[in-house]
Amino acid sequence: GLMQVERILPGIDGIAFHYFTDVDVVRHRLVRDIIKAYAEDGD
């Protein structure tokens, strides 16, 4: 999935990655909570 994409695609011109945090989400509480849960799982 996403881990493979991060490993395989970074060298391709025109592909970039941006990493969001819960601070970046201003539109919907659910999206913010999902991002926060993933961040806490990585700790």
Protein backbone atom coordinates (compact mmCIF):
# COMPACT_ATOMS: atom_id res chain seq x y z
CA GLY A 1 0.00 0.00 0.00
CA LEU A 2 1.18 3.44 0.96
CA MET A 3 4.47 2.22 2.44
CA GLN A 4 5.40 0.71 -0.94
CA VAL A 5 4.46 3.92 -2.75
CA GLU A 6 6.74 5.94 -0.48
CA ARG A 7 9.60 3.54 -1.17
CA ILE A 8 9.11 3.04 -4.92
CA LEU A 9 7.93 6.37 -6.38
CA PRO A 10 10.03 9.19 -4.86
CA GLY A 11 12.51 9.25 -7.76
CA ILE A 12 9.87 9.97 -10.39
CA ASP A 13 9.77 13.58 -11.57
CA GLY A 14 6.44 15.18 -10.75
CA ILE A 15 5.66 12.97 -7.75
CA ALA A 16 5.91 14.49 -4.30
CA PHE A 17 4.77 13.58 -0.83
CA HIS A 18 3.28 15.84 1.79
CA TYR A 19 2.73 14.69 5.33
CA PHE A 20 -0.21 16.23 7.15
CA THR A 21 -0.73 16.49 10.87
CA ASP A 22 -3.91 17.05 12.83
CA VAL A 23 -3.07 20.78 12.89
CA ASP A 24 -3.38 20.92 9.07
CA VAL A 25 -6.99 19.71 9.05
CA VAL A 26 -9.50 22.51 9.43
CA ARG A 27 -12.60 21.20 7.64
CA HIS A 28 -13.80 18.06 9.33
CA ARG A 29 -13.23 16.66 12.80
CA LEU A 30 -13.30 13.05 11.57
CA VAL A 31 -10.38 13.56 9.17
CA ARG A 32 -8.40 15.28 11.93
CA ASP A 33 -9.08 12.38 14.30
CA ILE A 34 -7.96 9.81 11.72
CA ILE A 35 -4.68 11.65 11.10
CA LYS A 36 -4.11 11.94 14.84
CA ALA A 37 -4.78 8.20 15.34
CA TYR A 38 -2.22 7.28 12.67
CA ALA A 39 0.35 9.61 14.24
CA GLU A 40 -0.20 8.11 17.69
CA ASP A 41 0.06 4.58 16.29
CA GLY A 42 3.51 5.40 14.90
CA ASP A 43 4.83 6.52 18.30
